[in-house]
Protein backbone atom coordinates (compact mmCIF):
# COMPACT_ATOMS: atom_id res chain seq x y z
CA MET A 1 -0.43 26.38 4.68
CA HIS A 2 -0.07 26.89 0.69
CA ARG A 3 3.10 27.61 -1.79
CA GLY A 4 2.10 28.39 -4.91
CA ASN A 5 -0.74 26.08 -6.04
CA ARG A 6 0.64 23.05 -3.99
CA MET A 7 -0.82 22.56 -0.91
CA TRP A 8 1.42 21.57 2.32
CA ARG A 9 1.95 20.46 5.77
CA ALA A 10 3.52 22.06 8.58
CA CYS A 11 5.59 19.68 10.60
CA PRO A 12 3.58 18.83 13.82
CA GLY A 13 4.26 20.38 16.96
CA GLU A 14 7.30 18.32 18.94
CA MET A 15 8.04 16.44 15.56
CA GLU A 16 11.50 17.87 15.04
CA GLY A 17 13.27 16.69 12.27
CA CYS A 18 10.37 15.92 10.14
CA LYS A 19 10.46 17.15 6.89
CA ALA A 20 7.54 19.31 5.06
CA LEU A 21 5.65 16.94 2.63
CA PRO A 22 3.19 17.47 0.24
CA PHE A 23 -0.03 16.00 1.24
CA LEU A 24 -3.67 15.78 0.84
CA PRO A 25 -6.43 15.94 3.68
CA LEU A 26 -7.70 12.80 2.76
CA ALA A 27 -6.57 9.88 0.51
CA HIS A 28 -9.43 8.72 -1.75
CA PRO A 29 -7.28 7.74 -4.78
CA VAL A 30 -10.10 7.19 -7.03
CA CYS A 31 -9.91 7.96 -10.29
CA PHE A 32 -6.64 8.20 -10.01
CA PRO A 33 -4.12 7.70 -12.75
CA ILE A 34 -0.32 7.51 -12.41
CA ALA A 35 0.64 5.75 -15.72
CA GLY A 36 2.88 8.86 -16.31
CA ILE A 37 4.40 9.32 -12.91
CA GLY A 38 7.93 8.96 -14.62
CA GLY A 39 7.40 12.57 -16.82
CA PRO A 40 4.70 14.83 -17.07
CA SER A 41 2.40 13.11 -19.11
CA VAL A 42 0.13 10.88 -18.47
CA SER A 43 -1.01 7.85 -20.62
CA PRO A 44 -4.03 5.59 -20.50
CA PRO A 45 -3.54 2.00 -19.65
CA VAL A 46 -3.94 -0.67 -22.53
CA SER A 47 -7.36 -2.24 -22.63
CA PRO A 48 -7.28 -6.02 -21.81
CA HIS A 49 -9.47 -6.43 -24.83
CA PRO A 50 -7.83 -4.37 -27.95
CA SER A 51 -11.23 -4.23 -30.05
CA SER A 52 -12.64 -2.19 -27.14
CA PRO A 53 -11.47 1.47 -26.29
CA LEU A 54 -8.82 2.48 -24.02
CA ILE A 55 -9.54 3.43 -20.40
CA LEU A 56 -9.01 6.58 -19.54
CA LEU A 57 -8.39 6.83 -15.99
CA ASN A 58 -7.79 10.67 -16.47
CA SER A 59 -11.17 10.86 -17.99
CA SER A 60 -13.58 13.52 -16.57
CA ASP A 61 -16.39 11.26 -16.87
CA HIS A 62 -15.17 9.43 -14.14
CA CYS A 63 -14.86 11.91 -11.80
CA ALA A 64 -17.54 14.28 -12.79
CA GLY A 65 -19.01 16.67 -10.52
CA ASP A 66 -16.63 16.11 -7.97
CA ALA A 67 -14.35 19.37 -8.00
CA ASP A 68 -12.20 18.42 -4.91
CA LEU A 69 -11.61 15.16 -6.45
CA GLN A 70 -10.07 16.57 -9.20
CA VAL A 71 -7.98 18.89 -6.99
CA ARG A 72 -6.73 15.56 -4.83
CA GLN A 73 -5.92 13.46 -7.81
CA ASP A 74 -3.96 16.57 -9.99
CA VAL A 75 -2.18 17.21 -6.36
CA ARG A 76 -1.24 13.61 -5.58
CA ASN A 77 -0.04 13.29 -9.57
CA ARG A 78 2.43 16.09 -8.99
CA THR A 79 3.45 14.81 -6.07
CA LEU A 80 4.34 11.26 -7.33
CA ARG A 81 5.98 12.91 -10.51
CA ALA A 82 8.10 15.53 -8.31
CA VAL A 83 9.15 12.47 -5.90
CA CYS A 84 9.88 9.91 -8.52
CA GLY A 85 11.48 12.47 -10.84
CA GLN A 86 14.50 13.24 -8.30
CA PRO A 87 17.68 12.12 -9.29
CA GLY A 88 18.64 8.69 -8.47
CA MET A 89 14.99 7.51 -8.24
CA PRO A 90 14.08 4.43 -10.24
CA GLN A 91 12.95 4.53 -13.51
CA ASP A 92 12.47 0.79 -14.44
CA PRO A 93 12.72 -2.48 -12.60
CA TRP A 94 15.69 -3.60 -14.07
CA ASP A 95 17.08 -0.36 -12.44
CA LEU A 96 16.60 -1.53 -9.16
CA PRO A 97 19.08 -3.88 -7.12
CA VAL A 98 19.13 -7.56 -7.16
CA GLY A 99 17.20 -7.65 -3.67
CA GLN A 100 14.81 -4.83 -4.54
CA ARG A 101 13.80 -6.48 -7.93
CA ARG A 102 13.24 -9.81 -6.79
CA THR A 103 11.12 -8.76 -3.91
CA LEU A 104 8.76 -6.63 -6.28
CA LEU A 105 8.93 -9.09 -8.77
CA ARG A 106 7.69 -11.57 -5.55
CA HIS A 107 4.82 -9.27 -5.06
CA ILE A 108 3.34 -8.86 -8.40
CA LEU A 109 0.35 -10.90 -9.69
CA VAL A 110 -0.52 -11.80 -12.89
CA SER A 111 -3.46 -12.20 -15.09
CA ASP A 112 -3.06 -13.24 -18.61
CA ARG A 113 -6.65 -14.24 -19.37
CA TYR A 114 -7.72 -10.21 -18.10
CA ARG A 115 -4.47 -8.82 -18.40
CA PHE A 116 -3.73 -7.18 -15.66
CA LEU A 117 -0.95 -6.99 -13.07
CA TYR A 118 -1.61 -6.37 -9.17
CA CYS A 119 0.87 -5.52 -6.60
CA TYR A 120 0.03 -7.01 -3.45
CA VAL A 121 0.54 -5.45 -0.36
CA PRO A 122 -0.83 -7.14 3.12
CA LYS A 123 -2.48 -5.54 5.26
CA VAL A 124 -4.65 -3.91 2.17
CA ALA A 125 -7.39 -6.53 1.22
CA CYS A 126 -4.51 -8.57 -0.76
CA SER A 127 -6.14 -11.88 0.43
CA ASN A 128 -9.46 -10.88 -0.78
CA TRP A 129 -7.90 -9.63 -4.22
CA LYS A 130 -5.95 -13.05 -4.20
CA ARG A 131 -9.35 -14.76 -4.08
CA VAL A 132 -10.52 -12.60 -7.14
CA LEU A 133 -7.61 -13.71 -9.16
CA LYS A 134 -8.38 -17.36 -8.33
CA VAL A 135 -12.00 -17.18 -9.38
CA LEU A 136 -10.97 -15.19 -13.05
CA ALA A 137 -8.19 -17.67 -13.14
CA GLY A 138 -11.35 -21.11 -12.59
CA VAL A 139 -9.57 -22.40 -10.08
CA LEU A 140 -11.96 -20.92 -7.25
CA ASP A 141 -15.42 -21.13 -7.53
CA SER A 142 -16.54 -18.27 -5.39
CA VAL A 143 -14.71 -15.17 -3.58
CA ASP A 144 -16.54 -16.61 -0.51
CA VAL A 145 -14.06 -15.41 2.63
CA ARG A 146 -14.71 -18.02 4.64
CA LEU A 147 -13.71 -20.50 2.34
CA LYS A 148 -10.03 -21.36 3.38
CA MET A 149 -7.65 -20.33 0.76
CA ASP A 150 -3.80 -21.18 -0.07
CA HIS A 151 -1.98 -17.79 -0.65
CA ARG A 152 0.54 -18.94 -3.30
CA SER A 153 -1.12 -21.97 -4.81
CA ASP A 154 -2.46 -21.61 -8.44
CA LEU A 155 -1.27 -17.76 -8.67
CA VAL A 156 1.26 -16.50 -11.43
CA PHE A 157 3.84 -14.12 -10.09
CA LEU A 158 5.86 -12.00 -12.12
CA ALA A 159 9.17 -13.67 -10.34
CA ASP A 160 7.66 -16.91 -12.42
CA LEU A 161 8.12 -15.77 -15.64
CA ARG A 162 11.18 -15.06 -17.87
CA PRO A 163 12.78 -11.34 -18.33
CA GLU A 164 11.37 -10.99 -21.62
CA GLU A 165 7.48 -12.16 -20.84
CA ILE A 166 7.84 -9.60 -17.53
CA ARG A 167 9.20 -6.60 -19.94
CA TYR A 168 6.16 -7.32 -22.06
CA ARG A 169 3.53 -7.59 -19.13
CA LEU A 170 4.81 -4.81 -17.89
CA GLN A 171 4.44 -2.56 -20.89
CA HIS A 172 1.11 -3.79 -21.93
CA TYR A 173 -0.98 -4.62 -18.92
CA PHE A 174 -3.04 -2.71 -16.60
CA LYS A 175 -1.38 -2.54 -13.71
CA PHE A 176 -2.53 -1.41 -10.29
CA LEU A 177 -2.19 -1.60 -6.25
CA PHE A 178 -3.75 -0.79 -3.08
CA VAL A 179 -2.54 1.64 -0.19
CA ARG A 180 -3.20 2.25 3.00
CA ASP A 181 -2.49 5.08 5.62
CA PRO A 182 1.26 4.09 6.41
CA LEU A 183 0.80 4.08 10.24
CA GLU A 184 -2.67 2.59 10.15
CA ARG A 185 -1.36 -0.34 8.44
CA LEU A 186 1.36 -0.87 11.02
CA LEU A 187 -1.50 -0.99 13.74
CA SER A 188 -3.06 -3.46 11.75
CA ALA A 189 -0.19 -5.91 10.95
CA TYR A 190 0.62 -5.68 14.87
CA ARG A 191 -2.61 -6.36 15.96
CA ASN A 192 -3.09 -9.49 13.84
CA LYS A 193 0.18 -11.11 13.92
CA PHE A 194 0.99 -10.16 17.38
CA GLY A 195 -2.77 -10.90 19.16
CA GLU A 196 -3.42 -14.08 16.81
CA ILE A 197 -1.06 -15.78 15.03
CA ARG A 198 1.36 -18.04 17.29
CA GLU A 199 4.26 -17.95 14.34
CA TYR A 200 4.27 -14.55 14.61
CA GLN A 201 4.52 -14.61 18.04
CA GLN A 202 7.36 -17.41 18.25
CA ARG A 203 9.50 -15.91 15.31
CA TYR A 204 9.28 -12.54 15.77
CA GLY A 205 7.43 -11.12 19.32
CA ALA A 206 10.07 -13.51 21.36
CA GLU A 207 12.87 -11.70 19.72
CA ILE A 208 11.16 -8.14 20.21
CA VAL A 209 10.39 -8.94 23.78
CA ARG A 210 14.23 -10.11 24.40
CA ARG A 211 15.52 -6.83 22.80
CA TYR A 212 13.17 -4.23 24.20
CA ARG A 213 12.03 -4.84 27.16
CA ALA A 214 13.62 -4.83 30.54
CA GLY A 215 14.00 -7.69 32.61
CA ALA A 216 12.54 -10.16 30.26
CA GLY A 217 13.09 -13.91 30.80
CA PRO A 218 15.56 -16.07 28.18
CA SER A 219 12.40 -17.68 26.62
CA PRO A 220 9.36 -14.95 26.41
CA ALA A 221 6.26 -16.28 24.67
CA GLY A 222 6.11 -13.57 22.29
CA ASP A 223 2.23 -12.78 23.02
CA ASP A 224 2.23 -9.57 24.96
CA VAL A 225 4.48 -7.36 22.46
CA THR A 226 3.30 -3.75 23.37
CA PHE A 227 2.84 -1.30 20.35
CA PRO A 228 6.04 0.56 21.19
CA GLU A 229 8.06 -2.30 21.43
CA PHE A 230 7.02 -2.74 18.12
CA LEU A 231 7.59 0.38 16.93
CA ARG A 232 11.20 0.14 18.19
CA TYR A 233 11.61 -3.05 16.44
CA LEU A 234 10.90 -1.19 13.24
CA VAL A 235 13.43 1.31 14.25
CA ASP A 236 16.03 -0.86 13.83
CA GLU A 237 14.96 -2.88 10.94
CA ASP A 238 16.27 -2.36 7.55
CA PRO A 239 13.18 -1.59 5.26
CA GLU A 240 14.52 -3.94 2.30
CA ARG A 241 14.41 -6.79 4.63
CA MET A 242 11.37 -6.67 6.54
CA ASN A 243 8.50 -8.92 6.85
CA GLU A 244 6.11 -7.92 3.86
CA HIS A 245 3.16 -7.20 6.87
CA TRP A 246 5.54 -4.32 7.59
CA MET A 247 7.83 -3.38 4.53
CA PRO A 248 6.92 0.07 3.40
CA VAL A 249 4.88 -0.08 0.36
CA TYR A 250 7.59 1.93 -1.67
CA HIS A 251 9.84 -1.13 -1.31
CA LEU A 252 7.05 -3.92 -1.99
CA CYS A 253 6.00 -2.12 -5.18
CA GLN A 254 8.07 0.58 -6.21
CA PRO A 255 5.76 2.87 -7.70
CA CYS A 256 8.52 5.04 -9.14
CA ALA A 257 10.56 1.62 -11.34
CA VAL A 258 6.64 0.56 -12.51
CA HIS A 259 4.35 3.48 -13.69
CA TYR A 260 1.08 1.82 -12.38
CA ASP A 261 -2.11 3.04 -14.21
CA PHE A 262 -4.00 2.87 -10.94
CA VAL A 263 -3.99 3.15 -7.32
CA GLY A 264 -6.75 2.19 -4.94
CA SER A 265 -7.07 3.07 -1.37
CA TYR A 266 -8.62 1.19 1.48
CA GLU A 267 -10.69 3.89 2.77
CA ARG A 268 -12.55 3.24 -0.67
CA LEU A 269 -11.69 -0.22 -0.77
CA GLU A 270 -14.76 -1.81 -2.29
CA ALA A 271 -16.02 1.20 -4.55
CA ASP A 272 -12.44 1.14 -6.10
CA ALA A 273 -11.84 -2.54 -6.47
CA ASN A 274 -15.33 -2.69 -8.36
CA GLN A 275 -13.76 0.15 -10.36
CA VAL A 276 -10.78 -1.71 -11.31
CA LEU A 277 -13.04 -5.01 -11.83
CA GLU A 278 -15.27 -2.94 -14.28
CA TRP A 279 -12.31 -2.04 -16.12
CA VAL A 280 -10.37 -5.32 -16.59
CA ARG A 281 -13.77 -6.52 -18.05
CA ALA A 282 -14.28 -9.24 -15.53
CA PRO A 283 -17.65 -11.22 -15.30
CA PRO A 284 -20.41 -9.56 -13.97
CA HIS A 285 -21.09 -11.57 -11.29
CA VAL A 286 -17.39 -11.12 -10.18
CA GLN A 287 -17.63 -8.60 -7.46
CA PHE A 288 -14.78 -8.20 -4.56
CA PRO A 289 -15.99 -9.31 -1.43
CA ALA A 290 -17.55 -7.21 0.87
CA ARG A 291 -16.24 -6.73 4.60
CA GLN A 292 -17.76 -8.93 7.24
CA ALA A 293 -20.08 -7.71 9.79
CA TRP A 294 -17.72 -9.25 12.65
CA TYR A 295 -14.56 -7.56 11.04
CA ARG A 296 -13.17 -4.19 13.08
CA PRO A 297 -10.44 -2.67 11.02
CA ALA A 298 -7.71 -0.59 12.79
CA SER A 299 -9.50 2.63 12.81
CA PRO A 300 -8.23 6.14 12.51
CA GLU A 301 -9.69 7.20 16.66
CA SER A 302 -7.71 3.60 17.44
CA LEU A 303 -4.47 4.53 15.61
CA HIS A 304 -4.74 7.99 17.42
CA TYR A 305 -4.75 6.29 21.03
CA HIS A 306 -1.94 4.17 20.09
CA LEU A 307 0.34 6.54 18.44
CA CYS A 308 -0.36 9.02 21.35
CA SER A 309 0.35 6.11 24.20
CA ALA A 310 3.83 5.88 21.98
CA PRO A 311 6.97 8.49 23.19
CA ARG A 312 7.35 11.17 20.23
CA ALA A 313 10.99 10.47 20.15
CA LEU A 314 9.97 7.10 19.16
CA LEU A 315 7.75 8.08 16.77
CA GLN A 316 10.33 10.91 15.12
CA ASP A 317 12.42 7.49 14.28
CA VAL A 318 9.92 5.41 12.56
CA LEU A 319 8.70 7.99 10.20
CA PRO A 320 11.52 8.37 7.96
CA LYS A 321 11.11 4.56 7.50
CA TYR A 322 7.79 4.69 5.72
CA ILE A 323 8.11 8.78 4.64
CA LEU A 324 7.94 7.97 1.05
CA ASP A 325 4.72 5.97 1.67
CA PHE A 326 3.23 9.10 3.30
CA SER A 327 4.79 11.40 0.39
CA LEU A 328 4.02 9.29 -2.91
CA PHE A 329 0.56 7.91 -1.58
CA ALA A 330 -0.62 11.78 0.14
CA TYR A 331 -1.30 10.96 3.09
CA PRO A 332 -1.00 13.29 6.16
CA LEU A 333 1.69 12.97 8.73
CA PRO A 334 0.22 12.20 12.07
CA ASN A 335 -0.69 15.15 14.68
CA VAL A 336 0.67 13.86 18.19
CA THR A 337 0.93 17.37 19.58
CA LYS A 338 0.48 17.69 23.41
CA GLU A 339 -2.93 19.46 22.61
CA ALA A 340 -4.12 16.76 19.79
CA CYS A 341 -3.72 13.81 22.04
CA GLN A 342 -5.28 15.37 24.75
CA GLN A 343 -8.45 15.58 22.60
């Protein structure tokens, strides 16, 4: 339904207690400026090269001929400003409690050579972005995904720098992150970590089974966690202390405290990523890695199946943990009515 010139999504049937939130029917944050997130104005990001023209993310040149995209961009920006403009929302990283600021600074990667900051979000192609950063830094020859890569070495994080160095980069560097449908990201983490990674099965899976499965023995393997059991675990977890693979993006990247210049989407990953590389003047030979032919991401159809198989009351308890991710990045809440699940 419409209220004034803003689109809203009504609460899905039988999801009592959910709030109506601004939304967009599709989440394609290309040409998506958010430098002015804390106020009414939108400023262009600082160019990586002072002698070159400023990068105008809100320029109509980037979105020419796509009126629908312009509408989505406008609604998304107003949504971000509305949410982040509420009393009590942080406007600067130093407004955050120490623990939240530590998490943020540990997730922002730095490229001094190309003057950009990237907040990495697990399960949103962050491994490939780390490959790109290493190639740009000259410590990796290729973005080839078949080559093994250490996720911490040869990378610079804001947490490695002094406060004055952090402030300078936050003020002057191009800042971006990539987002994904919150529940699709959770499903991807669930399938990967509990279906393939023994360390996660032992550290988290065994505990989840002990807590939430009736009749579980004292030493479960943790390799057969069900999706509803995983959701029950999330309901009981403090979002600020979650593992990064299922921590809300809001807590990882603090999009109200950091005025990002661009938010790319997993739905348009390669196009958005290569646009960012063009903006930061990366060498032409550095392109974002294409998805492998064998890769099968969590699809909307798979997500729909898993959500419809979970108790509605459980979903109602999980959604508040991620409600800022839905609202800030304009992803629609899931439709798990009986009618929708029968389709």
